[in-house]
PDB file of N, CA and C in Angstrom:
ATOM      1  N   UNK A   1       0.850  -1.174   0.000  1.00  0.00           N
ATOM      2  CA  UNK A   1       0.000   0.000   0.000  1.00  0.00           C
ATOM      3  C   UNK A   1       0.895   1.237   0.000  1.00  0.00           C
ATOM      4  N   UNK A   2       0.741   2.067  -0.963  1.00  0.00           N
ATOM      5  CA  UNK A   2       1.567   3.253  -1.071  1.00  0.00           C
ATOM      6  C   UNK A   2       1.167   4.287  -0.013  1.00  0.00           C
ATOM      7  N   UNK A   3       2.156   4.864   0.626  1.00  0.00           N
ATOM      8  CA  UNK A   3       1.884   5.886   1.628  1.00  0.00           C
ATOM      9  C   UNK A   3       1.565   5.323   3.008  1.00  0.00           C
ATOM     10  N   UNK A   4       1.594   4.010   3.148  1.00  0.00           N
ATOM     11  CA  UNK A   4       1.296   3.391   4.442  1.00  0.00           C
ATOM     12  C   UNK A   4       2.533   3.407   5.318  1.00  0.00           C
ATOM     13  N   UNK A   5       2.362   3.831   6.564  1.00  0.00           N
ATOM     14  CA  UNK A   5       3.444   3.788   7.542  1.00  0.00           C
ATOM     15  C   UNK A   5       2.952   3.021   8.761  1.00  0.00           C
ATOM     16  N   UNK A   6       3.747   2.078   9.234  1.00  0.00           N
ATOM     17  CA  UNK A   6       3.337   1.353  10.442  1.00  0.00           C
ATOM     18  C   UNK A   6       3.250   2.305  11.636  1.00  0.00           C
ATOM     19  N   UNK A   7       2.379   1.983  12.547  1.00  0.00           N
ATOM     20  CA  UNK A   7       2.230   2.800  13.755  1.00  0.00           C
ATOM     21  C   UNK A   7       3.514   2.747  14.566  1.00  0.00           C
ATOM     22  N   UNK A   8       3.848   3.854  15.202  1.00  0.00           N
ATOM     23  CA  UNK A   8       5.042   3.906  16.033  1.00  0.00           C
ATOM     24  C   UNK A   8       4.799   3.241  17.380  1.00  0.00           C
ATOM     25  N   UNK A   9       3.551   3.244  17.790  1.00  0.00           N
ATOM     26  CA  UNK A   9       3.226   2.691  19.092  1.00  0.00           C
ATOM     27  C   UNK A   9       2.014   1.779  18.959  1.00  0.00           C
ATOM     28  N   UNK A  10       2.082   0.625  19.579  1.00  0.00           N
ATOM     29  CA  UNK A  10       0.953  -0.294  19.574  1.00  0.00           C
ATOM     30  C   UNK A  10       0.198  -0.162  20.884  1.00  0.00           C
ATOM     31  N   UNK A  11      -1.111  -0.279  20.787  1.00  0.00           N
ATOM     32  CA  UNK A  11      -1.970  -0.166  21.958  1.00  0.00           C
ATOM     33  C   UNK A  11      -2.760  -1.458  22.111  1.00  0.00           C
ATOM     34  N   UNK A  12      -2.729  -2.025  23.295  1.00  0.00           N
ATOM     35  CA  UNK A  12      -3.518  -3.222  23.582  1.00  0.00           C
ATOM     36  C   UNK A  12      -4.967  -2.796  23.824  1.00  0.00           C
ATOM     37  N   UNK A  13      -5.879  -3.399  23.084  1.00  0.00           N
ATOM     38  CA  UNK A  13      -7.303  -3.077  23.235  1.00  0.00           C
ATOM     39  C   UNK A  13      -8.037  -4.369  23.582  1.00  0.00           C
ATOM     40  N   UNK A  14      -8.792  -4.362  24.690  1.00  0.00           N
ATOM     41  CA  UNK A  14      -9.556  -5.561  25.042  1.00  0.00           C
ATOM     42  C   UNK A  14     -10.531  -5.937  23.930  1.00  0.00           C
ATOM     43  N   UNK A  15     -10.859  -7.228  23.859  1.00  0.00           N
ATOM     44  CA  UNK A  15     -11.755  -7.738  22.815  1.00  0.00           C
ATOM     45  C   UNK A  15     -13.079  -6.979  22.805  1.00  0.00           C
ATOM     46  N   UNK A  16     -13.663  -6.767  23.978  1.00  0.00           N
ATOM     47  CA  UNK A  16     -14.952  -6.069  24.058  1.00  0.00           C
ATOM     48  C   UNK A  16     -14.883  -4.656  23.535  1.00  0.00           C
ATOM     49  N   UNK A  17     -13.778  -3.983  23.835  1.00  0.00           N
ATOM     50  CA  UNK A  17     -13.599  -2.609  23.354  1.00  0.00           C
ATOM     51  C   UNK A  17     -13.454  -2.581  21.838  1.00  0.00           C
ATOM     52  N   UNK A  18     -12.701  -3.526  21.276  1.00  0.00           N
ATOM     53  CA  UNK A  18     -12.570  -3.550  19.817  1.00  0.00           C
ATOM     54  C   UNK A  18     -13.891  -3.921  19.157  1.00  0.00           C
ATOM     55  N   UNK A  19     -14.667  -4.776  19.801  1.00  0.00           N
ATOM     56  CA  UNK A  19     -16.001  -5.127  19.316  1.00  0.00           C
ATOM     57  C   UNK A  19     -16.864  -3.860  19.220  1.00  0.00           C
ATOM     58  N   UNK A  20     -16.831  -3.041  20.283  1.00  0.00           N
ATOM     59  CA  UNK A  20     -17.596  -1.805  20.312  1.00  0.00           C
ATOM     60  C   UNK A  20     -17.098  -0.811  19.253  1.00  0.00           C
ATOM     61  N   UNK A  21     -15.788  -0.697  19.121  1.00  0.00           N
ATOM     62  CA  UNK A  21     -15.205   0.238  18.152  1.00  0.00           C
ATOM     63  C   UNK A  21     -15.659  -0.105  16.732  1.00  0.00           C
ATOM     64  N   UNK A  22     -15.574  -1.374  16.375  1.00  0.00           N
ATOM     65  CA  UNK A  22     -15.990  -1.793  15.022  1.00  0.00           C
ATOM     66  C   UNK A  22     -17.475  -1.522  14.824  1.00  0.00           C
ATOM     67  N   UNK A  23     -18.290  -1.834  15.844  1.00  0.00           N
ATOM     68  CA  UNK A  23     -19.737  -1.592  15.739  1.00  0.00           C
ATOM     69  C   UNK A  23     -20.013  -0.108  15.527  1.00  0.00           C
ATOM     70  N   UNK A  24     -19.359   0.742  16.308  1.00  0.00           N
ATOM     71  CA  UNK A  24     -19.594   2.185  16.185  1.00  0.00           C
ATOM     72  C   UNK A  24     -19.063   2.746  14.870  1.00  0.00           C
ATOM     73  N   UNK A  25     -17.936   2.215  14.387  1.00  0.00           N
ATOM     74  CA  UNK A  25     -17.418   2.657  13.092  1.00  0.00           C
ATOM     75  C   UNK A  25     -18.392   2.337  11.961  1.00  0.00           C
ATOM     76  N   UNK A  26     -19.185   1.288  12.148  1.00  0.00           N
ATOM     77  CA  UNK A  26     -20.191   0.926  11.156  1.00  0.00           C
ATOM     78  C   UNK A  26     -21.509   1.662  11.389  1.00  0.00           C
ATOM     79  N   UNK A  27     -21.499   2.550  12.395  1.00  0.00           N
ATOM     80  CA  UNK A  27     -22.676   3.359  12.712  1.00  0.00           C
ATOM     81  C   UNK A  27     -23.886   2.486  13.049  1.00  0.00           C
ATOM     82  N   UNK A  28     -23.622   1.439  13.837  1.00  0.00           N
ATOM     83  CA  UNK A  28     -24.684   0.536  14.261  1.00  0.00           C
ATOM     84  C   UNK A  28     -24.887   0.649  15.762  1.00  0.00           C
ATOM     85  N   UNK A  29     -26.143   0.630  16.174  1.00  0.00           N
ATOM     86  CA  UNK A  29     -26.440   0.556  17.602  1.00  0.00           C
ATOM     87  C   UNK A  29     -26.347  -0.912  18.012  1.00  0.00           C
ATOM     88  N   UNK A  30     -26.325  -1.155  19.315  1.00  0.00           N
ATOM     89  CA  UNK A  30     -26.325  -2.541  19.783  1.00  0.00           C
ATOM     90  C   UNK A  30     -27.581  -3.263  19.299  1.00  0.00           C
ATOM     91  N   UNK A  31     -28.698  -2.568  19.318  1.00  0.00           N
ATOM     92  CA  UNK A  31     -29.961  -3.179  18.869  1.00  0.00           C
ATOM     93  C   UNK A  31     -29.911  -3.544  17.388  1.00  0.00           C
ATOM     94  N   UNK A  32     -29.355  -2.664  16.576  1.00  0.00           N
ATOM     95  CA  UNK A  32     -29.249  -2.943  15.145  1.00  0.00           C
ATOM     96  C   UNK A  32     -28.327  -4.136  14.892  1.00  0.00           C
ATOM     97  N   UNK A  33     -27.192  -4.176  15.608  1.00  0.00           N
ATOM     98  CA  UNK A  33     -26.273  -5.294  15.453  1.00  0.00           C
ATOM     99  C   UNK A  33     -26.942  -6.591  15.895  1.00  0.00           C
ATOM    100  N   UNK A  34     -27.734  -6.508  16.947  1.00  0.00           N
ATOM    101  CA  UNK A  34     -28.469  -7.676  17.429  1.00  0.00           C
ATOM    102  C   UNK A  34     -29.416  -8.203  16.356  1.00  0.00           C
ATOM    103  N   UNK A  35     -30.142  -7.298  15.720  1.00  0.00           N
ATOM    104  CA  UNK A  35     -31.076  -7.703  14.657  1.00  0.00           C
ATOM    105  C   UNK A  35     -30.343  -8.328  13.473  1.00  0.00           C
ATOM    106  N   UNK A  36     -29.191  -7.768  13.127  1.00  0.00           N
ATOM    107  CA  UNK A  36     -28.441  -8.242  11.968  1.00  0.00           C
ATOM    108  C   UNK A  36     -27.769  -9.580  12.203  1.00  0.00           C
ATOM    109  N   UNK A  37     -27.370  -9.849  13.445  1.00  0.00           N
ATOM    110  CA  UNK A  37     -26.581 -11.049  13.730  1.00  0.00           C
ATOM    111  C   UNK A  37     -27.341 -12.140  14.458  1.00  0.00           C
ATOM    112  N   UNK A  38     -28.436 -11.773  15.117  1.00  0.00           N
ATOM    113  CA  UNK A  38     -29.153 -12.753  15.916  1.00  0.00           C
ATOM    114  C   UNK A  38     -28.572 -12.929  17.307  1.00  0.00           C
ATOM    115  N   UNK A  39     -27.524 -12.168  17.632  1.00  0.00           N
ATOM    116  CA  UNK A  39     -26.939 -12.197  18.972  1.00  0.00           C
ATOM    117  C   UNK A  39     -27.765 -11.254  19.838  1.00  0.00           C
ATOM    118  N   UNK A  40     -28.264 -11.705  20.992  1.00  0.00           N
ATOM    119  CA  UNK A  40     -29.087 -10.835  21.831  1.00  0.00           C
ATOM    120  C   UNK A  40     -28.357  -9.542  22.217  1.00  0.00           C
ATOM    121  N   UNK A  41     -29.095  -8.440  22.257  1.00  0.00           N
ATOM    122  CA  UNK A  41     -28.511  -7.145  22.599  1.00  0.00           C
ATOM    123  C   UNK A  41     -27.836  -7.185  23.960  1.00  0.00           C
ATOM    124  N   UNK A  42     -28.412  -7.893  24.913  1.00  0.00           N
ATOM    125  CA  UNK A  42     -27.814  -7.995  26.253  1.00  0.00           C
ATOM    126  C   UNK A  42     -26.447  -8.681  26.175  1.00  0.00           C
ATOM    127  N   UNK A  43     -26.305  -9.646  25.282  1.00  0.00           N
ATOM    128  CA  UNK A  43     -25.022 -10.334  25.108  1.00  0.00           C
ATOM    129  C   UNK A  43     -24.002  -9.402  24.485  1.00  0.00           C
ATOM    130  N   UNK A  44     -24.423  -8.609  23.498  1.00  0.00           N
ATOM    131  CA  UNK A  44     -23.526  -7.630  22.876  1.00  0.00           C
ATOM    132  C   UNK A  44     -23.046  -6.642  23.924  1.00  0.00           C
ATOM    133  N   UNK A  45     -23.958  -6.161  24.756  1.00  0.00           N
ATOM    134  CA  UNK A  45     -23.591  -5.239  25.829  1.00  0.00           C
ATOM    135  C   UNK A  45     -22.593  -5.884  26.785  1.00  0.00           C
ATOM    136  N   UNK A  46     -22.847  -7.130  27.160  1.00  0.00           N
ATOM    137  CA  UNK A  46     -21.952  -7.846  28.078  1.00  0.00           C
ATOM    138  C   UNK A  46     -20.565  -8.036  27.464  1.00  0.00           C
ATOM    139  N   UNK A  47     -20.508  -8.330  26.179  1.00  0.00           N
ATOM    140  CA  UNK A  47     -19.223  -8.486  25.487  1.00  0.00           C
ATOM    141  C   UNK A  47     -18.459  -7.168  25.528  1.00  0.00           C
ATOM    142  N   UNK A  48     -19.143  -6.085  25.154  1.00  0.00           N
ATOM    143  CA  UNK A  48     -18.492  -4.780  25.093  1.00  0.00           C
ATOM    144  C   UNK A  48     -18.025  -4.287  26.454  1.00  0.00           C
ATOM    145  N   UNK A  49     -18.704  -4.701  27.505  1.00  0.00           N
ATOM    146  CA  UNK A  49     -18.350  -4.246  28.855  1.00  0.00           C
ATOM    147  C   UNK A  49     -17.483  -5.248  29.612  1.00  0.00           C
ATOM    148  N   UNK A  50     -17.002  -6.271  28.914  1.00  0.00           N
ATOM    149  CA  UNK A  50     -16.081  -7.220  29.509  1.00  0.00           C
ATOM    150  C   UNK A  50     -16.709  -8.197  30.491  1.00  0.00           C
ATOM    151  N   UNK A  51     -18.027  -8.311  30.481  1.00  0.00           N
ATOM    152  CA  UNK A  51     -18.697  -9.248  31.381  1.00  0.00           C
ATOM    153  C   UNK A  51     -18.773 -10.648  30.795  1.00  0.00           C
ATOM    154  N   UNK A  52     -18.451 -10.772  29.506  1.00  0.00           N
ATOM    155  CA  UNK A  52     -18.413 -12.074  28.846  1.00  0.00           C
ATOM    156  C   UNK A  52     -16.986 -12.273  28.358  1.00  0.00           C
ATOM    157  N   UNK A  53     -16.399 -13.386  28.742  1.00  0.00           N
ATOM    158  CA  UNK A  53     -15.041 -13.692  28.324  1.00  0.00           C
ATOM    159  C   UNK A  53     -15.105 -14.469  27.019  1.00  0.00           C
ATOM    160  N   UNK A  54     -14.811 -13.783  25.929  1.00  0.00           N
ATOM    161  CA  UNK A  54     -14.842 -14.450  24.630  1.00  0.00           C
ATOM    162  C   UNK A  54     -13.591 -15.291  24.459  1.00  0.00           C
ATOM    163  N   UNK A  55     -13.802 -16.549  24.170  1.00  0.00           N
ATOM    164  CA  UNK A  55     -12.696 -17.447  23.882  1.00  0.00           C
ATOM    165  C   UNK A  55     -12.779 -17.811  22.413  1.00  0.00           C
ATOM    166  N   UNK A  56     -11.650 -18.025  21.818  1.00  0.00           N
ATOM    167  CA  UNK A  56     -11.595 -18.308  20.385  1.00  0.00           C
ATOM    168  C   UNK A  56     -12.518 -19.442  19.986  1.00  0.00           C
ATOM    169  N   UNK A  57     -12.599 -20.476  20.803  1.00  0.00           N
ATOM    170  CA  UNK A  57     -13.374 -21.642  20.418  1.00  0.00           C
ATOM    171  C   UNK A  57     -14.879 -21.466  20.582  1.00  0.00           C
ATOM    172  N   UNK A  58     -15.343 -20.382  21.215  1.00  0.00           N
ATOM    173  CA  UNK A  58     -16.788 -20.226  21.376  1.00  0.00           C
ATOM    174  C   UNK A  58     -17.298 -18.826  21.033  1.00  0.00           C
ATOM    175  N   UNK A  59     -16.431 -17.983  20.523  1.00  0.00           N
ATOM    176  CA  UNK A  59     -16.847 -16.623  20.219  1.00  0.00           C
ATOM    177  C   UNK A  59     -17.609 -16.569  18.899  1.00  0.00           C
ATOM    178  N   UNK A  60     -18.586 -15.638  18.816  1.00  0.00           N
ATOM    179  CA  UNK A  60     -19.296 -15.476  17.543  1.00  0.00           C
ATOM    180  C   UNK A  60     -18.330 -14.970  16.478  1.00  0.00           C
ATOM    181  N   UNK A  61     -18.475 -15.449  15.270  1.00  0.00           N
ATOM    182  CA  UNK A  61     -17.594 -15.040  14.186  1.00  0.00           C
ATOM    183  C   UNK A  61     -18.181 -13.808  13.519  1.00  0.00           C
ATOM    184  N   UNK A  62     -17.584 -12.661  13.817  1.00  0.00           N
ATOM    185  CA  UNK A  62     -18.038 -11.402  13.234  1.00  0.00           C
ATOM    186  C   UNK A  62     -16.838 -10.600  12.752  1.00  0.00           C
ATOM    187  N   UNK A  63     -16.217 -11.030  11.655  1.00  0.00           N
ATOM    188  CA  UNK A  63     -15.085 -10.261  11.149  1.00  0.00           C
ATOM    189  C   UNK A  63     -15.531  -8.877  10.686  1.00  0.00           C
ATOM    190  N   UNK A  64     -14.582  -7.972  10.625  1.00  0.00           N
ATOM    191  CA  UNK A  64     -14.872  -6.592  10.208  1.00  0.00           C
ATOM    192  C   UNK A  64     -15.567  -6.571   8.861  1.00  0.00           C
ATOM    193  N   UNK A  65     -15.132  -7.406   7.936  1.00  0.00           N
ATOM    194  CA  UNK A  65     -15.748  -7.415   6.606  1.00  0.00           C
ATOM    195  C   UNK A  65     -17.225  -7.801   6.690  1.00  0.00           C
ATOM    196  N   UNK A  66     -17.570  -8.680   7.625  1.00  0.00           N
ATOM    197  CA  UNK A  66     -18.971  -9.069   7.796  1.00  0.00           C
ATOM    198  C   UNK A  66     -19.785  -7.885   8.282  1.00  0.00           C
ATOM    199  N   UNK A  67     -19.260  -7.148   9.267  1.00  0.00           N
ATOM    200  CA  UNK A  67     -19.981  -5.977   9.774  1.00  0.00           C
ATOM    201  C   UNK A  67     -20.127  -4.923   8.691  1.00  0.00           C
ATOM    202  N   UNK A  68     -19.094  -4.757   7.871  1.00  0.00           N
ATOM    203  CA  UNK A  68     -19.164  -3.790   6.771  1.00  0.00           C
ATOM    204  C   UNK A  68     -20.255  -4.191   5.794  1.00  0.00           C
ATOM    205  N   UNK A  69     -20.304  -5.477   5.477  1.00  0.00           N
ATOM    206  CA  UNK A  69     -21.327  -5.975   4.554  1.00  0.00           C
ATOM    207  C   UNK A  69     -22.715  -5.780   5.148  1.00  0.00           C
ATOM    208  N   UNK A  70     -22.868  -6.023   6.458  1.00  0.00           N
ATOM    209  CA  UNK A  70     -24.162  -5.829   7.129  1.00  0.00           C
ATOM    210  C   UNK A  70     -24.592  -4.376   7.019  1.00  0.00           C
ATOM    211  N   UNK A  71     -23.668  -3.482   7.276  1.00  0.00           N
ATOM    212  CA  UNK A  71     -23.970  -2.048   7.271  1.00  0.00           C
ATOM    213  C   UNK A  71     -24.463  -1.614   5.905  1.00  0.00           C
ATOM    214  N   UNK A  72     -23.795  -2.088   4.854  1.00  0.00           N
ATOM    215  CA  UNK A  72     -24.183  -1.682   3.511  1.00  0.00           C
ATOM    216  C   UNK A  72     -25.549  -2.231   3.138  1.00  0.00           C
ATOM    217  N   UNK A  73     -25.797  -3.477   3.481  1.00  0.00           N
ATOM    218  CA  UNK A  73     -27.041  -4.125   3.078  1.00  0.00           C
ATOM    219  C   UNK A  73     -28.134  -4.045   4.123  1.00  0.00           C
ATOM    220  N   UNK A  74     -27.732  -3.796   5.377  1.00  0.00           N
ATOM    221  CA  UNK A  74     -28.680  -3.791   6.503  1.00  0.00           C
ATOM    222  C   UNK A  74     -29.426  -5.111   6.597  1.00  0.00           C
ATOM    223  N   UNK A  75     -28.665  -6.191   6.469  1.00  0.00           N
ATOM    224  CA  UNK A  75     -29.265  -7.506   6.614  1.00  0.00           C
ATOM    225  C   UNK A  75     -28.326  -8.388   7.409  1.00  0.00           C
ATOM    226  N   UNK A  76     -28.815  -9.500   7.819  1.00  0.00           N
ATOM    227  CA  UNK A  76     -28.018 -10.424   8.612  1.00  0.00           C
ATOM    228  C   UNK A  76     -26.879 -10.998   7.783  1.00  0.00           C
ATOM    229  N   UNK A  77     -25.676 -11.093   8.375  1.00  0.00           N
ATOM    230  CA  UNK A  77     -24.579 -11.727   7.655  1.00  0.00           C
ATOM    231  C   UNK A  77     -24.812 -13.219   7.479  1.00  0.00           C
ATOM    232  N   UNK A  78     -25.796 -13.757   8.207  1.00  0.00           N
ATOM    233  CA  UNK A  78     -26.075 -15.172   8.146  1.00  0.00           C
ATOM    234  C   UNK A  78     -27.279 -15.484   7.261  1.00  0.00           C
ATOM    235  N   UNK A  79     -27.816 -14.472   6.579  1.00  0.00           N
ATOM    236  CA  UNK A  79     -28.966 -14.674   5.707  1.00  0.00           C
ATOM    237  C   UNK A  79     -28.601 -15.659   4.605  1.00  0.00           C
ATOM    238  N   UNK A  80     -29.432 -16.656   4.402  1.00  0.00           N
ATOM    239  CA  UNK A  80     -29.221 -17.616   3.338  1.00  0.00           C
ATOM    240  C   UNK A  80     -28.290 -18.755   3.676  1.00  0.00           C
ATOM    241  N   UNK A  81     -27.750 -18.773   4.898  1.00  0.00           N
ATOM    242  CA  UNK A  81     -26.866 -19.853   5.282  1.00  0.00           C
ATOM    243  C   UNK A  81     -27.713 -20.973   5.890  1.00  0.00           C
ATOM    244  N   UNK A  82     -27.547 -22.147   5.347  1.00  0.00           N
ATOM    245  CA  UNK A  82     -28.273 -23.312   5.860  1.00  0.00           C
ATOM    246  C   UNK A  82     -27.398 -23.969   6.905  1.00  0.00           C
ATOM    247  N   UNK A  83     -27.972 -24.208   8.079  1.00  0.00           N
ATOM    248  CA  UNK A  83     -27.189 -24.838   9.156  1.00  0.00           C
ATOM    249  C   UNK A  83     -27.606 -26.263   9.347  1.00  0.00           C
TER     250      UNK A  83
END
């Protein structure tokens, strides 16, 4: 990427805080994210406030690209997926 410079300082951000940052960058409320993902709003709140310890093996899969796609389409990232 032309013009890209690595950050001089790295900052550790808790999982819940990064979850909130991505949600807010997509201009989504907790309720909207809940509707789009099927994750209860109370669970989203608990994740963001560090009351839920997300572990890799049981955390919901919500990559940034998925949230971006949700924001553009305003639909569930899981729409059309057969389980």
